[in-house]
């Protein structure tokens, strides 16, 4: 028996140069998402060095661009590559959001990865307090 799969709606496609950059970020993120959690965290910690903290609007734009170019990231199992791709895309503009990994606060257990900017969850349909952060790679001041 198969489970129904729904994709999040696709945002409008960004300009070609941004779409290519977003597609590249998704490509790298999908490869990085196959690594161990410790390896992913170590790489993300290195990537954030020298970046300014991302503003919410910039992180939301990066989220929309990633969602526009990747049906995989719009899918129900796409949170890890989506969050990595959004962080990478922000890094391309010299900023870094908080890249977070955690779980739902209430059962049933469900792991999740997301980004935050200016203390707010970016692009997710759940509220800021829906998930408990297990670890995060935050921008360094």
Protein backbone atom coordinates (compact mmCIF):
# COMPACT_ATOMS: atom_id res chain seq x y z
CA UNK A 1 0.00 0.00 0.00
CA UNK A 2 1.32 3.42 -0.81
CA UNK A 3 1.04 6.53 1.30
CA UNK A 4 -0.32 9.69 -0.28
CA UNK A 5 2.36 12.27 -0.96
CA UNK A 6 1.67 15.95 -1.20
CA UNK A 7 4.06 18.64 -2.26
CA UNK A 8 4.08 22.14 -0.90
CA UNK A 9 2.93 24.68 -3.46
CA UNK A 10 5.64 25.94 -5.79
CA UNK A 11 6.54 29.62 -5.33
CA UNK A 12 7.06 31.72 -8.48
CA UNK A 13 10.29 30.88 -10.29
CA UNK A 14 13.12 33.33 -9.53
CA UNK A 15 15.15 35.09 -12.23
CA UNK A 16 17.39 32.72 -14.20
CA UNK A 17 20.63 33.60 -12.40
CA UNK A 18 19.03 33.04 -8.98
CA UNK A 19 17.31 29.84 -10.18
CA UNK A 20 20.66 28.43 -11.34
CA UNK A 21 22.29 29.33 -8.02
CA UNK A 22 19.37 27.79 -6.10
CA UNK A 23 19.55 24.61 -8.20
CA UNK A 24 23.28 24.37 -7.50
CA UNK A 25 22.63 24.82 -3.76
CA UNK A 26 20.02 22.02 -3.90
CA UNK A 27 22.45 19.75 -5.77
CA UNK A 28 25.15 20.27 -3.13
CA UNK A 29 22.63 19.99 -0.28
CA UNK A 30 21.27 16.65 -1.51
CA UNK A 31 24.83 15.24 -1.57
CA UNK A 32 25.64 16.69 1.83
CA UNK A 33 22.41 15.31 3.32
CA UNK A 34 23.69 11.76 2.76
CA UNK A 35 26.57 12.30 5.20
CA UNK A 36 26.49 11.59 8.93
CA UNK A 37 24.90 14.21 11.19
CA UNK A 38 28.28 14.97 12.77
CA UNK A 39 29.88 15.49 9.36
CA UNK A 40 27.02 17.74 8.18
CA UNK A 41 27.26 19.84 11.34
CA UNK A 42 31.06 20.18 11.00
CA UNK A 43 30.74 21.33 7.37
CA UNK A 44 27.97 23.78 8.21
CA UNK A 45 30.06 25.22 11.07
CA UNK A 46 32.93 25.85 8.66
CA UNK A 47 30.66 27.44 6.06
CA UNK A 48 29.19 29.99 8.47
CA UNK A 49 32.58 31.56 9.28
CA UNK A 50 32.78 35.18 8.15
CA UNK A 51 29.08 35.55 7.33
CA UNK A 52 26.72 38.17 8.74
CA UNK A 53 23.53 36.97 10.45
CA UNK A 54 20.79 36.58 7.83
CA UNK A 55 17.78 38.87 7.96
CA UNK A 56 14.41 37.14 7.91
CA UNK A 57 13.47 38.57 4.48
CA UNK A 58 16.71 37.27 2.90
CA UNK A 59 16.25 33.81 4.41
CA UNK A 60 12.61 33.72 3.24
CA UNK A 61 13.69 34.67 -0.28
CA UNK A 62 16.29 31.88 -0.27
CA UNK A 63 13.64 29.45 1.01
CA UNK A 64 11.25 30.46 -1.78
CA UNK A 65 13.98 30.10 -4.42
CA UNK A 66 14.88 26.61 -3.20
CA UNK A 67 11.23 25.58 -3.13
CA UNK A 68 10.72 26.96 -6.66
CA UNK A 69 13.49 24.89 -8.23
CA UNK A 70 13.19 21.57 -6.36
CA UNK A 71 10.19 19.28 -6.08
CA UNK A 72 12.28 17.06 -3.79
CA UNK A 73 12.68 19.91 -1.29
CA UNK A 74 8.95 20.61 -1.46
CA UNK A 75 8.19 16.99 -0.54
CA UNK A 76 7.47 15.60 2.91
CA UNK A 77 10.98 14.09 3.29
CA UNK A 78 12.83 17.13 1.94
CA UNK A 79 13.45 19.07 5.13
CA UNK A 80 17.15 18.21 5.51
CA UNK A 81 18.29 19.04 1.98
CA UNK A 82 15.91 22.03 1.93
CA UNK A 83 17.34 23.50 5.13
CA UNK A 84 20.92 22.92 3.96
CA UNK A 85 20.18 24.46 0.55
CA UNK A 86 18.59 27.54 2.12
CA UNK A 87 21.61 28.02 4.39
CA UNK A 88 23.98 27.56 1.41
CA UNK A 89 22.01 30.04 -0.69
CA UNK A 90 22.10 32.60 2.11
CA UNK A 91 25.84 32.01 2.43
CA UNK A 92 26.27 32.86 -1.25
CA UNK A 93 25.03 36.35 -0.40
CA UNK A 94 27.35 36.67 2.60
CA UNK A 95 24.82 35.88 5.30
CA UNK A 96 24.05 32.86 7.49
CA UNK A 97 20.72 31.85 9.09
CA UNK A 98 20.55 29.57 12.09
CA UNK A 99 20.51 26.02 10.70
CA UNK A 100 18.57 23.85 13.15
CA UNK A 101 17.89 20.16 13.65
CA UNK A 102 15.35 18.95 16.17
CA UNK A 103 12.12 17.12 16.81
CA UNK A 104 8.46 17.81 17.48
CA UNK A 105 7.68 18.82 21.04
CA UNK A 106 4.57 16.62 21.10
CA UNK A 107 4.18 13.05 19.88
CA UNK A 108 4.49 11.19 17.73
CA UNK A 109 8.23 11.66 17.39
CA UNK A 110 9.28 13.29 14.14
CA UNK A 111 12.72 14.67 13.36
CA UNK A 112 12.97 17.88 11.36
CA UNK A 113 15.54 20.34 10.00
CA UNK A 114 14.82 24.01 9.37
CA UNK A 115 16.37 27.48 9.31
CA UNK A 116 15.69 30.47 11.51
CA UNK A 117 16.48 34.12 11.01
CA UNK A 118 16.05 36.91 13.53
CA UNK A 119 14.64 34.36 15.99
CA UNK A 120 11.83 33.21 13.65
CA UNK A 121 11.35 29.93 11.80
CA UNK A 122 11.61 30.54 8.04
CA UNK A 123 9.04 29.14 5.63
CA UNK A 124 7.60 26.36 7.76
CA UNK A 125 3.88 25.97 8.23
CA UNK A 126 4.30 25.31 11.95
CA UNK A 127 4.78 27.94 14.64
CA UNK A 128 8.11 28.99 16.13
CA UNK A 129 7.55 26.77 19.19
CA UNK A 130 6.42 23.57 17.41
CA UNK A 131 9.88 21.97 17.35
CA UNK A 132 12.54 21.50 20.01
CA UNK A 133 16.03 22.29 18.76
CA UNK A 134 18.54 19.49 19.41
CA UNK A 135 21.45 21.36 17.85
CA UNK A 136 21.91 24.45 15.73
CA UNK A 137 24.62 26.11 13.71
CA UNK A 138 24.04 29.76 14.44
CA UNK A 139 25.84 32.73 12.88
CA UNK A 140 28.91 33.86 14.77
CA UNK A 141 28.97 37.55 15.68
